[in-house]
Amino acid sequence: ANGAGKTTLVHILLGSSNKDEGTIYYKDQVIQSPYSTKIKRKFGFIQDEPLYIEYLSAIENLQYFCAIYNKKIPRKELESQLASYGLDGKDPKLVKYFSRGMKQKLSLCFIDIINPELIVMDEPTIGLDIVSIDFLKSNILAYSQAEKSLLITTHDIAFCKAIADEIYILHNGTTKKMKNKNNLLNELDLSNAILAEINESG
């Protein structure tokens, strides 16, 4: 349900919000916030509002990101990376004029630059059209095949069922692991109002 705490949980796990109790583990090791730079660079985060600098072009955003992460990647290679996501590295258009789907693709380019072990996505399908969602799905599956771990929050049940190895529902302060992702609604023990909301989302 809306307000169940999905985004809050993500920010706690990433170390950008404080937790009231509990322990966070990464690869069976306890990690404490504030995280070290070494730990932070193992994580890649795409938030519900994609990360970009709106007054720069796509290629300028990538160059800026490379500078932050001290990555020496030639412009031609960055242009090729953008092209693989259907973006034109020679286009001077500012990112603030991009569609939501184009901004999401640019965020995926950022993830490729970081090359993190764990990719966290918070509501990545919001505002995306069908083609962009299919593109995102393909990239998520490619990340998984590259042996990266992904943690994704979403209200999109169809999207979730298509990509997830494990599904958890957050509701009223509790977390429930779903046993059968193809029969989610029958397995959920939620109120009729929550079921109606899930049905509306797919």
N, C-alpha and C. Protein backbone atom coordinates (compact mmCIF):
# COMPACT_ATOMS: atom_id res chain seq x y z
N ALA A 1 0.83 -1.20 0.00
CA ALA A 1 0.00 0.00 0.00
C ALA A 1 0.86 1.25 0.00
N ASN A 2 0.30 2.37 -0.49
CA ASN A 2 1.00 3.64 -0.38
C ASN A 2 1.26 3.94 1.08
N GLY A 3 2.48 4.41 1.38
CA GLY A 3 2.82 4.74 2.77
C GLY A 3 3.26 3.56 3.61
N ALA A 4 3.46 2.40 2.99
CA ALA A 4 3.86 1.21 3.75
C ALA A 4 5.31 1.30 4.22
N GLY A 5 6.10 2.16 3.60
CA GLY A 5 7.48 2.34 4.05
C GLY A 5 8.53 1.80 3.09
N LYS A 6 8.14 1.56 1.83
CA LYS A 6 9.10 0.99 0.87
C LYS A 6 10.28 1.93 0.62
N THR A 7 9.97 3.19 0.32
CA THR A 7 11.05 4.15 0.04
C THR A 7 11.87 4.42 1.28
N THR A 8 11.23 4.51 2.43
CA THR A 8 11.95 4.70 3.69
C THR A 8 12.92 3.56 3.92
N LEU A 9 12.48 2.33 3.69
CA LEU A 9 13.34 1.16 3.86
C LEU A 9 14.55 1.24 2.94
N VAL A 10 14.31 1.62 1.69
CA VAL A 10 15.41 1.73 0.72
C VAL A 10 16.44 2.75 1.21
N HIS A 11 15.99 3.91 1.69
CA HIS A 11 16.92 4.94 2.14
C HIS A 11 17.68 4.50 3.40
N ILE A 12 17.02 3.73 4.25
CA ILE A 12 17.72 3.19 5.42
C ILE A 12 18.81 2.22 4.99
N LEU A 13 18.49 1.33 4.07
CA LEU A 13 19.47 0.35 3.60
C LEU A 13 20.66 1.03 2.92
N LEU A 14 20.39 2.14 2.22
CA LEU A 14 21.45 2.87 1.52
C LEU A 14 22.24 3.79 2.44
N GLY A 15 21.76 3.94 3.68
CA GLY A 15 22.48 4.76 4.65
C GLY A 15 22.16 6.24 4.59
N SER A 16 21.15 6.61 3.80
CA SER A 16 20.80 8.03 3.70
C SER A 16 19.72 8.44 4.70
N SER A 17 19.13 7.48 5.42
CA SER A 17 18.19 7.75 6.51
C SER A 17 18.57 6.87 7.69
N ASN A 18 18.31 7.38 8.89
CA ASN A 18 18.64 6.62 10.10
C ASN A 18 17.56 5.61 10.43
N LYS A 19 17.95 4.48 10.97
CA LYS A 19 16.99 3.46 11.41
C LYS A 19 16.76 3.59 12.91
N ASP A 20 15.59 3.17 13.35
CA ASP A 20 15.27 3.19 14.78
C ASP A 20 15.79 1.94 15.49
N GLU A 21 15.82 0.84 14.76
CA GLU A 21 16.30 -0.41 15.34
C GLU A 21 16.66 -1.38 14.21
N GLY A 22 17.22 -2.51 14.58
CA GLY A 22 17.55 -3.53 13.59
C GLY A 22 19.00 -3.46 13.13
N THR A 23 19.37 -4.43 12.31
CA THR A 23 20.74 -4.57 11.82
C THR A 23 20.73 -4.72 10.31
N ILE A 24 21.67 -4.08 9.64
CA ILE A 24 21.80 -4.18 8.19
C ILE A 24 23.02 -5.03 7.86
N TYR A 25 22.80 -6.04 7.02
CA TYR A 25 23.89 -6.92 6.60
C TYR A 25 24.15 -6.75 5.11
N TYR A 26 25.42 -6.81 4.75
CA TYR A 26 25.79 -6.87 3.34
C TYR A 26 26.79 -8.00 3.18
N LYS A 27 26.41 -9.01 2.40
CA LYS A 27 27.22 -10.22 2.23
C LYS A 27 27.57 -10.84 3.59
N ASP A 28 26.53 -10.96 4.42
CA ASP A 28 26.63 -11.60 5.73
C ASP A 28 27.50 -10.82 6.73
N GLN A 29 27.87 -9.58 6.38
CA GLN A 29 28.64 -8.75 7.29
C GLN A 29 27.79 -7.56 7.73
N VAL A 30 27.81 -7.25 9.03
CA VAL A 30 27.08 -6.09 9.54
C VAL A 30 27.73 -4.82 9.01
N ILE A 31 26.93 -3.91 8.48
CA ILE A 31 27.44 -2.61 8.06
C ILE A 31 26.72 -1.51 8.84
N GLN A 32 27.48 -0.51 9.23
CA GLN A 32 26.94 0.56 10.06
C GLN A 32 26.99 1.88 9.30
N SER A 33 25.92 2.65 9.39
CA SER A 33 25.88 3.98 8.81
C SER A 33 26.56 4.96 9.76
N PRO A 34 27.33 5.94 9.28
CA PRO A 34 27.59 6.23 7.86
C PRO A 34 28.55 5.22 7.23
N TYR A 35 28.23 4.80 6.02
CA TYR A 35 29.03 3.80 5.34
C TYR A 35 30.34 4.40 4.85
N SER A 36 31.34 3.54 4.73
CA SER A 36 32.60 3.95 4.14
C SER A 36 32.41 4.17 2.64
N THR A 37 33.32 4.92 2.03
CA THR A 37 33.26 5.13 0.58
C THR A 37 33.33 3.80 -0.15
N LYS A 38 34.11 2.86 0.36
CA LYS A 38 34.24 1.54 -0.27
C LYS A 38 32.89 0.84 -0.33
N ILE A 39 32.13 0.91 0.75
CA ILE A 39 30.80 0.28 0.78
C ILE A 39 29.84 1.04 -0.12
N LYS A 40 29.85 2.37 -0.06
CA LYS A 40 28.93 3.18 -0.86
C LYS A 40 29.07 2.87 -2.36
N ARG A 41 30.29 2.64 -2.80
CA ARG A 41 30.53 2.44 -4.22
C ARG A 41 30.15 1.04 -4.70
N LYS A 42 29.71 0.22 -3.78
CA LYS A 42 29.18 -1.09 -4.17
C LYS A 42 27.70 -1.00 -4.54
N PHE A 43 27.07 0.15 -4.22
CA PHE A 43 25.64 0.33 -4.44
C PHE A 43 25.39 1.30 -5.60
N GLY A 44 24.38 0.98 -6.41
CA GLY A 44 23.89 1.90 -7.42
C GLY A 44 22.41 2.13 -7.18
N PHE A 45 21.97 3.39 -7.19
CA PHE A 45 20.59 3.71 -6.81
C PHE A 45 19.90 4.51 -7.90
N ILE A 46 18.77 4.01 -8.37
CA ILE A 46 17.90 4.77 -9.27
C ILE A 46 16.61 5.06 -8.51
N GLN A 47 16.40 6.34 -8.20
CA GLN A 47 15.23 6.70 -7.41
C GLN A 47 14.03 6.95 -8.32
N ASP A 48 12.87 7.16 -7.69
CA ASP A 48 11.65 7.32 -8.48
C ASP A 48 11.73 8.53 -9.40
N GLU A 49 12.50 9.54 -9.01
CA GLU A 49 12.80 10.66 -9.90
C GLU A 49 14.23 10.47 -10.38
N PRO A 50 14.44 10.06 -11.64
CA PRO A 50 15.77 9.68 -12.11
C PRO A 50 16.82 10.76 -11.86
N LEU A 51 18.03 10.30 -11.58
CA LEU A 51 19.14 11.18 -11.26
C LEU A 51 19.76 11.76 -12.53
N TYR A 52 19.85 13.06 -12.60
CA TYR A 52 20.49 13.74 -13.72
C TYR A 52 20.65 15.21 -13.36
N ILE A 53 21.47 15.91 -14.14
CA ILE A 53 21.61 17.37 -13.99
C ILE A 53 20.92 17.99 -15.20
N GLU A 54 19.82 18.67 -14.97
CA GLU A 54 18.92 19.05 -16.06
C GLU A 54 19.51 20.09 -17.01
N TYR A 55 20.48 20.89 -16.58
CA TYR A 55 21.01 21.93 -17.46
C TYR A 55 22.26 21.44 -18.22
N LEU A 56 22.50 20.13 -18.22
CA LEU A 56 23.57 19.53 -19.03
C LEU A 56 22.95 18.61 -20.07
N SER A 57 23.68 18.34 -21.13
CA SER A 57 23.23 17.36 -22.12
C SER A 57 23.49 15.96 -21.60
N ALA A 58 23.06 14.96 -22.35
CA ALA A 58 23.27 13.57 -21.92
C ALA A 58 24.75 13.25 -21.79
N ILE A 59 25.55 13.60 -22.80
CA ILE A 59 26.97 13.28 -22.76
C ILE A 59 27.67 14.06 -21.65
N GLU A 60 27.24 15.30 -21.42
CA GLU A 60 27.83 16.10 -20.34
C GLU A 60 27.50 15.51 -18.97
N ASN A 61 26.29 14.97 -18.83
CA ASN A 61 25.94 14.29 -17.58
C ASN A 61 26.85 13.10 -17.33
N LEU A 62 27.11 12.31 -18.37
CA LEU A 62 27.98 11.14 -18.21
C LEU A 62 29.42 11.57 -17.89
N GLN A 63 29.89 12.61 -18.55
CA GLN A 63 31.24 13.09 -18.28
C GLN A 63 31.37 13.60 -16.84
N TYR A 64 30.33 14.29 -16.37
CA TYR A 64 30.32 14.78 -14.99
C TYR A 64 30.34 13.61 -14.01
N PHE A 65 29.53 12.58 -14.31
CA PHE A 65 29.46 11.42 -13.45
C PHE A 65 30.80 10.68 -13.42
N CYS A 66 31.45 10.58 -14.58
CA CYS A 66 32.77 9.95 -14.66
C CYS A 66 33.77 10.70 -13.78
N ALA A 67 33.70 12.04 -13.78
CA ALA A 67 34.62 12.84 -12.97
C ALA A 67 34.41 12.57 -11.49
N ILE A 68 33.13 12.44 -11.07
CA ILE A 68 32.82 12.17 -9.67
C ILE A 68 33.42 10.84 -9.23
N TYR A 69 33.29 9.84 -10.10
CA TYR A 69 33.75 8.49 -9.76
C TYR A 69 35.16 8.20 -10.26
N ASN A 70 35.85 9.25 -10.73
CA ASN A 70 37.23 9.12 -11.19
C ASN A 70 37.37 8.02 -12.24
N LYS A 71 36.45 8.01 -13.20
CA LYS A 71 36.46 7.04 -14.29
C LYS A 71 37.00 7.71 -15.54
N LYS A 72 38.02 7.15 -16.12
CA LYS A 72 38.61 7.71 -17.34
C LYS A 72 38.02 6.98 -18.55
N ILE A 73 36.88 7.47 -19.01
CA ILE A 73 36.18 6.83 -20.14
C ILE A 73 36.17 7.82 -21.31
N PRO A 74 36.73 7.46 -22.46
CA PRO A 74 36.76 8.38 -23.62
C PRO A 74 35.36 8.77 -24.07
N ARG A 75 35.25 9.97 -24.63
CA ARG A 75 33.96 10.48 -25.09
C ARG A 75 33.31 9.51 -26.09
N LYS A 76 34.09 8.97 -27.03
CA LYS A 76 33.52 8.06 -28.02
C LYS A 76 32.88 6.85 -27.37
N GLU A 77 33.51 6.36 -26.31
CA GLU A 77 32.95 5.21 -25.60
C GLU A 77 31.64 5.59 -24.89
N LEU A 78 31.59 6.79 -24.34
CA LEU A 78 30.37 7.27 -23.69
C LEU A 78 29.26 7.45 -24.72
N GLU A 79 29.62 7.99 -25.89
CA GLU A 79 28.63 8.15 -26.96
C GLU A 79 28.08 6.79 -27.39
N SER A 80 28.97 5.80 -27.48
CA SER A 80 28.54 4.44 -27.85
C SER A 80 27.61 3.86 -26.79
N GLN A 81 27.91 4.16 -25.52
CA GLN A 81 27.06 3.68 -24.44
C GLN A 81 25.67 4.31 -24.52
N LEU A 82 25.63 5.60 -24.77
CA LEU A 82 24.34 6.28 -24.93
C LEU A 82 23.57 5.71 -26.11
N ALA A 83 24.26 5.44 -27.20
CA ALA A 83 23.61 4.89 -28.39
C ALA A 83 23.00 3.53 -28.11
N SER A 84 23.65 2.74 -27.23
CA SER A 84 23.10 1.42 -26.90
C SER A 84 21.78 1.53 -26.14
N TYR A 85 21.52 2.71 -25.56
CA TYR A 85 20.26 2.97 -24.87
C TYR A 85 19.32 3.84 -25.71
N GLY A 86 19.67 4.01 -26.97
CA GLY A 86 18.81 4.79 -27.87
C GLY A 86 18.93 6.28 -27.68
N LEU A 87 20.03 6.75 -27.10
CA LEU A 87 20.25 8.18 -26.89
C LEU A 87 21.40 8.65 -27.77
N ASP A 88 21.34 9.91 -28.20
CA ASP A 88 22.33 10.47 -29.11
C ASP A 88 23.34 11.29 -28.32
N GLY A 89 24.58 10.81 -28.26
CA GLY A 89 25.62 11.48 -27.50
C GLY A 89 26.06 12.80 -28.12
N LYS A 90 25.72 13.03 -29.38
CA LYS A 90 26.09 14.28 -30.04
C LYS A 90 24.98 15.33 -29.97
N ASP A 91 23.83 14.92 -29.43
CA ASP A 91 22.69 15.83 -29.33
C ASP A 91 22.92 16.83 -28.20
N PRO A 92 22.95 18.15 -28.48
CA PRO A 92 23.21 19.14 -27.43
C PRO A 92 21.99 19.44 -26.55
N LYS A 93 20.86 18.79 -26.83
CA LYS A 93 19.63 19.09 -26.07
C LYS A 93 19.84 18.84 -24.58
N LEU A 94 19.37 19.77 -23.76
CA LEU A 94 19.50 19.64 -22.32
C LEU A 94 18.58 18.54 -21.80
N VAL A 95 19.01 17.87 -20.75
CA VAL A 95 18.26 16.74 -20.21
C VAL A 95 16.90 17.18 -19.67
N LYS A 96 16.76 18.45 -19.28
CA LYS A 96 15.47 18.90 -18.75
C LYS A 96 14.36 18.80 -19.79
N TYR A 97 14.74 18.69 -21.06
CA TYR A 97 13.75 18.55 -22.13
C TYR A 97 13.53 17.08 -22.53
N PHE A 98 14.18 16.16 -21.85
CA PHE A 98 14.02 14.73 -22.15
C PHE A 98 12.67 14.24 -21.64
N SER A 99 12.17 13.18 -22.27
CA SER A 99 10.99 12.48 -21.75
C SER A 99 11.39 11.68 -20.51
N ARG A 100 10.37 11.21 -19.79
CA ARG A 100 10.66 10.41 -18.59
C ARG A 100 11.45 9.15 -18.96
N GLY A 101 11.09 8.52 -20.06
CA GLY A 101 11.78 7.31 -20.49
C GLY A 101 13.23 7.58 -20.84
N MET A 102 13.51 8.70 -21.50
CA MET A 102 14.88 9.06 -21.86
C MET A 102 15.71 9.32 -20.60
N LYS A 103 15.11 9.96 -19.60
CA LYS A 103 15.82 10.21 -18.35
C LYS A 103 16.13 8.90 -17.64
N GLN A 104 15.20 7.95 -17.70
CA GLN A 104 15.42 6.66 -17.08
C GLN A 104 16.57 5.93 -17.77
N LYS A 105 16.64 6.02 -19.10
CA LYS A 105 17.73 5.38 -19.84
C LYS A 105 19.07 6.00 -19.47
N LEU A 106 19.08 7.33 -19.27
CA LEU A 106 20.31 8.00 -18.86
C LEU A 106 20.75 7.51 -17.48
N SER A 107 19.79 7.28 -16.59
CA SER A 107 20.11 6.75 -15.27
C SER A 107 20.74 5.36 -15.38
N LEU A 108 20.27 4.56 -16.33
CA LEU A 108 20.86 3.24 -16.53
C LEU A 108 22.29 3.36 -17.02
N CYS A 109 22.59 4.40 -17.81
CA CYS A 109 23.97 4.65 -18.22
C CYS A 109 24.84 4.95 -17.00
N PHE A 110 24.29 5.71 -16.04
CA PHE A 110 25.03 5.99 -14.81
C PHE A 110 25.37 4.69 -14.09
N ILE A 111 24.40 3.79 -14.03
CA ILE A 111 24.62 2.50 -13.37
C ILE A 111 25.75 1.74 -14.05
N ASP A 112 25.79 1.77 -15.37
CA ASP A 112 26.84 1.07 -16.10
C ASP A 112 28.21 1.67 -15.79
N ILE A 113 28.27 2.98 -15.60
CA ILE A 113 29.55 3.63 -15.26
C ILE A 113 30.01 3.19 -13.88
N ILE A 114 29.10 3.17 -12.92
CA ILE A 114 29.46 2.78 -11.55
C ILE A 114 29.81 1.29 -11.47
N ASN A 115 29.06 0.48 -12.24
CA ASN A 115 29.22 -0.98 -12.23
C ASN A 115 29.12 -1.54 -10.80
N PRO A 116 28.00 -1.27 -10.11
CA PRO A 116 27.89 -1.68 -8.71
C PRO A 116 27.56 -3.17 -8.56
N GLU A 117 27.76 -3.68 -7.35
CA GLU A 117 27.38 -5.06 -7.05
C GLU A 117 25.89 -5.16 -6.78
N LEU A 118 25.34 -4.12 -6.15
CA LEU A 118 23.92 -4.10 -5.79
C LEU A 118 23.26 -2.90 -6.44
N ILE A 119 22.20 -3.15 -7.20
CA ILE A 119 21.45 -2.07 -7.86
C ILE A 119 20.08 -1.95 -7.17
N VAL A 120 19.80 -0.76 -6.68
CA VAL A 120 18.53 -0.49 -6.00
C VAL A 120 17.70 0.45 -6.86
N MET A 121 16.45 0.06 -7.13
CA MET A 121 15.55 0.89 -7.93
C MET A 121 14.25 1.11 -7.16
N ASP A 122 13.89 2.38 -7.00
CA ASP A 122 12.67 2.73 -6.28
C ASP A 122 11.61 3.18 -7.29
N GLU A 123 10.59 2.37 -7.49
CA GLU A 123 9.50 2.65 -8.42
C GLU A 123 10.01 3.04 -9.82
N PRO A 124 10.80 2.18 -10.45
CA PRO A 124 11.44 2.56 -11.72
C PRO A 124 10.48 2.67 -12.91
N THR A 125 9.26 2.13 -12.80
CA THR A 125 8.35 2.16 -13.95
C THR A 125 7.41 3.36 -13.95
N ILE A 126 7.45 4.19 -12.89
CA ILE A 126 6.53 5.33 -12.82
C ILE A 126 6.75 6.26 -14.01
N GLY A 127 5.68 6.57 -14.73
CA GLY A 127 5.73 7.50 -15.83
C GLY A 127 6.30 6.95 -17.13
N LEU A 128 6.64 5.66 -17.16
CA LEU A 128 7.21 5.08 -18.37
C LEU A 128 6.11 4.50 -19.26
N ASP A 129 6.31 4.61 -20.57
CA ASP A 129 5.37 3.98 -21.50
C ASP A 129 5.71 2.50 -21.65
N ILE A 130 4.90 1.77 -22.40
CA ILE A 130 5.05 0.32 -22.52
C ILE A 130 6.41 -0.06 -23.10
N VAL A 131 6.86 0.68 -24.12
CA VAL A 131 8.14 0.38 -24.76
C VAL A 131 9.29 0.59 -23.78
N SER A 132 9.24 1.67 -23.01
CA SER A 132 10.30 1.96 -22.05
C SER A 132 10.32 0.94 -20.92
N ILE A 133 9.14 0.49 -20.49
CA ILE A 133 9.08 -0.53 -19.45
C ILE A 133 9.69 -1.84 -19.95
N ASP A 134 9.41 -2.19 -21.20
CA ASP A 134 9.98 -3.41 -21.77
C ASP A 134 11.50 -3.29 -21.87
N PHE A 135 11.98 -2.10 -22.23
CA PHE A 135 13.43 -1.85 -22.31
C PHE A 135 14.05 -2.00 -20.93
N LEU A 136 13.42 -1.41 -19.92
CA LEU A 136 13.91 -1.49 -18.55
C LEU A 136 13.94 -2.94 -18.08
N LYS A 137 12.89 -3.68 -18.39
CA LYS A 137 12.82 -5.09 -18.00
C LYS A 137 13.99 -5.88 -18.58
N SER A 138 14.29 -5.65 -19.86
CA SER A 138 15.38 -6.36 -20.52
C SER A 138 16.72 -6.05 -19.85
N ASN A 139 16.92 -4.77 -19.46
CA ASN A 139 18.17 -4.40 -18.81
C ASN A 139 18.28 -4.98 -17.41
N ILE A 140 17.18 -5.03 -16.70
CA ILE A 140 17.20 -5.63 -15.37
C ILE A 140 17.58 -7.11 -15.46
N LEU A 141 17.00 -7.81 -16.42
CA LEU A 141 17.33 -9.22 -16.59
C LEU A 141 18.79 -9.40 -16.99
N ALA A 142 19.32 -8.46 -17.79
CA ALA A 142 20.73 -8.51 -18.19
C ALA A 142 21.63 -8.29 -16.97
N TYR A 143 21.26 -7.36 -16.08
CA TYR A 143 22.03 -7.15 -14.86
C TYR A 143 22.04 -8.43 -14.02
N SER A 144 20.89 -9.07 -13.92
CA SER A 144 20.78 -10.29 -13.14
C SER A 144 21.67 -11.39 -13.71
N GLN A 145 21.68 -11.52 -15.04
CA GLN A 145 22.51 -12.53 -15.69
C GLN A 145 24.00 -12.21 -15.51
N ALA A 146 24.33 -10.94 -15.28
CA ALA A 146 25.72 -10.54 -15.01
C ALA A 146 26.06 -10.73 -13.53
N GLU A 147 25.19 -11.43 -12.82
CA GLU A 147 25.39 -11.79 -11.41
C GLU A 147 25.40 -10.58 -10.48
N LYS A 148 24.61 -9.56 -10.85
CA LYS A 148 24.40 -8.44 -9.95
C LYS A 148 23.11 -8.66 -9.17
N SER A 149 23.09 -8.17 -7.95
CA SER A 149 21.87 -8.26 -7.14
C SER A 149 21.05 -7.00 -7.35
N LEU A 150 19.73 -7.16 -7.39
CA LEU A 150 18.84 -6.01 -7.57
C LEU A 150 17.75 -6.03 -6.50
N LEU A 151 17.50 -4.86 -5.94
CA LEU A 151 16.40 -4.66 -5.01
C LEU A 151 15.49 -3.59 -5.61
N ILE A 152 14.25 -3.97 -5.89
CA ILE A 152 13.34 -3.07 -6.61
C ILE A 152 12.04 -2.93 -5.83
N THR A 153 11.61 -1.68 -5.60
CA THR A 153 10.28 -1.46 -5.04
C THR A 153 9.35 -1.07 -6.19
N THR A 154 8.14 -1.58 -6.14
CA THR A 154 7.20 -1.27 -7.22
C THR A 154 5.77 -1.58 -6.79
N HIS A 155 4.83 -0.84 -7.40
CA HIS A 155 3.41 -1.15 -7.29
C HIS A 155 2.94 -1.94 -8.51
N ASP A 156 3.83 -2.10 -9.48
CA ASP A 156 3.47 -2.73 -10.75
C ASP A 156 3.60 -4.24 -10.62
N ILE A 157 2.48 -4.91 -10.34
CA ILE A 157 2.50 -6.35 -10.09
C ILE A 157 2.95 -7.12 -11.33
N ALA A 158 2.48 -6.74 -12.51
CA ALA A 158 2.86 -7.45 -13.74
C ALA A 158 4.37 -7.35 -13.98
N PHE A 159 4.93 -6.16 -13.79
CA PHE A 159 6.36 -5.95 -13.93
C PHE A 159 7.13 -6.79 -12.92
N CYS A 160 6.64 -6.78 -11.69
CA CYS A 160 7.26 -7.53 -10.61
C CYS A 160 7.29 -9.03 -10.92
N LYS A 161 6.17 -9.55 -11.37
CA LYS A 161 6.09 -10.98 -11.68
C LYS A 161 7.01 -11.36 -12.83
N ALA A 162 7.25 -10.41 -13.74
CA ALA A 162 8.07 -10.71 -14.93
C ALA A 162 9.56 -10.78 -14.61
N ILE A 163 10.02 -10.07 -13.59
CA ILE A 163 11.47 -9.95 -13.37
C ILE A 163 11.96 -10.57 -12.07
N ALA A 164 11.08 -10.76 -11.08
CA ALA A 164 11.55 -11.04 -9.73
C ALA A 164 11.82 -12.53 -9.49
N ASP A 165 12.90 -12.79 -8.75
CA ASP A 165 13.16 -14.14 -8.23
C ASP A 165 12.41 -14.32 -6.90
N GLU A 166 12.35 -13.26 -6.11
CA GLU A 166 11.63 -13.30 -4.84
C GLU A 166 10.80 -12.03 -4.71
N ILE A 167 9.60 -12.17 -4.13
CA ILE A 167 8.70 -11.03 -3.96
C ILE A 167 8.30 -10.93 -2.50
N TYR A 168 8.38 -9.70 -1.96
CA TYR A 168 7.97 -9.45 -0.59
C TYR A 168 6.92 -8.33 -0.60
N ILE A 169 5.91 -8.47 0.23
CA ILE A 169 4.88 -7.45 0.40
C ILE A 169 5.07 -6.77 1.75
N LEU A 170 5.15 -5.44 1.74
CA LEU A 170 5.19 -4.68 2.99
C LEU A 170 3.78 -4.20 3.30
N HIS A 171 3.31 -4.50 4.53
CA HIS A 171 1.95 -4.11 4.89
C HIS A 171 1.82 -4.02 6.41
N ASN A 172 1.35 -2.86 6.90
CA ASN A 172 1.12 -2.65 8.33
C ASN A 172 2.33 -3.01 9.19
N GLY A 173 3.51 -2.60 8.72
CA GLY A 173 4.73 -2.80 9.51
C GLY A 173 5.30 -4.20 9.45
N THR A 174 4.74 -5.05 8.63
CA THR A 174 5.27 -6.41 8.52
C THR A 174 5.68 -6.69 7.07
N THR A 175 6.53 -7.68 6.90
CA THR A 175 6.99 -8.08 5.57
C THR A 175 6.63 -9.54 5.35
N LYS A 176 5.98 -9.82 4.23
CA LYS A 176 5.58 -11.18 3.92
C LYS A 176 6.20 -11.63 2.61
N LYS A 177 6.91 -12.76 2.63
CA LYS A 177 7.48 -13.31 1.42
C LYS A 177 6.42 -14.12 0.69
N MET A 178 6.26 -13.85 -0.60
CA MET A 178 5.29 -14.57 -1.40
C MET A 178 5.89 -15.91 -1.87
N LYS A 179 5.11 -16.96 -1.75
CA LYS A 179 5.58 -18.29 -2.13
C LYS A 179 5.40 -18.56 -3.62
N ASN A 180 4.35 -17.99 -4.19
CA ASN A 180 4.04 -18.25 -5.60
C ASN A 180 3.76 -16.93 -6.31
N LYS A 181 4.74 -16.43 -7.06
CA LYS A 181 4.57 -15.11 -7.67
C LYS A 181 3.51 -15.09 -8.76
N ASN A 182 3.13 -16.25 -9.27
CA ASN A 182 2.10 -16.31 -10.30
C ASN A 182 0.69 -16.35 -9.72
N ASN A 183 0.59 -16.40 -8.39
CA ASN A 183 -0.71 -16.47 -7.74
C ASN A 183 -0.74 -15.52 -6.54
N LEU A 184 -0.22 -14.31 -6.77
CA LEU A 184 -0.01 -13.38 -5.66
C LEU A 184 -1.29 -12.99 -4.94
N LEU A 185 -2.32 -12.64 -5.70
CA LEU A 185 -3.52 -12.09 -5.08
C LEU A 185 -4.21 -13.11 -4.20
N ASN A 186 -4.19 -14.37 -4.58
CA ASN A 186 -4.81 -15.39 -3.74
C ASN A 186 -3.99 -15.65 -2.48
N GLU A 187 -2.70 -15.40 -2.57
CA GLU A 187 -1.82 -15.66 -1.42
C GLU A 187 -1.85 -14.52 -0.41
N LEU A 188 -2.13 -13.31 -0.88
CA LEU A 188 -2.11 -12.15 0.00
C LEU A 188 -3.25 -12.20 1.01
N ASP A 189 -2.92 -11.92 2.25
CA ASP A 189 -3.93 -11.86 3.30
C ASP A 189 -4.08 -10.40 3.73
N LEU A 190 -4.66 -9.59 2.84
CA LEU A 190 -4.78 -8.16 3.07
C LEU A 190 -6.24 -7.75 3.05
N SER A 191 -6.49 -6.51 3.40
CA SER A 191 -7.86 -6.02 3.40
C SER A 191 -8.37 -5.88 1.98
N ASN A 192 -9.71 -5.86 1.83
CA ASN A 192 -10.30 -5.72 0.49
C ASN A 192 -9.88 -4.44 -0.19
N ALA A 193 -9.67 -3.38 0.59
CA ALA A 193 -9.26 -2.10 0.02
C ALA A 193 -7.88 -2.22 -0.61
N ILE A 194 -6.97 -2.89 0.06
CA ILE A 194 -5.61 -3.06 -0.46
C ILE A 194 -5.64 -3.96 -1.68
N LEU A 195 -6.43 -5.02 -1.63
CA LEU A 195 -6.55 -5.91 -2.79
C LEU A 195 -7.09 -5.16 -4.00
N ALA A 196 -8.05 -4.27 -3.77
CA ALA A 196 -8.61 -3.49 -4.87
C ALA A 196 -7.54 -2.59 -5.48
N GLU A 197 -6.72 -2.01 -4.63
CA GLU A 197 -5.64 -1.13 -5.11
C GLU A 197 -4.64 -1.93 -5.96
N ILE A 198 -4.29 -3.13 -5.50
CA ILE A 198 -3.35 -3.96 -6.24
C ILE A 198 -3.95 -4.39 -7.57
N ASN A 199 -5.24 -4.74 -7.56
CA ASN A 199 -5.90 -5.15 -8.79
C ASN A 199 -5.90 -4.02 -9.82
N GLU A 200 -6.10 -2.79 -9.35
CA GLU A 200 -6.11 -1.64 -10.25
C GLU A 200 -4.76 -1.44 -10.92
N SER A 201 -3.65 -1.81 -10.22
CA SER A 201 -2.32 -1.60 -10.75
C SER A 201 -1.86 -2.76 -11.64
N GLY A 202 -2.70 -3.76 -11.82
CA GLY A 202 -2.33 -4.85 -12.72
C GLY A 202 -2.35 -6.21 -12.06
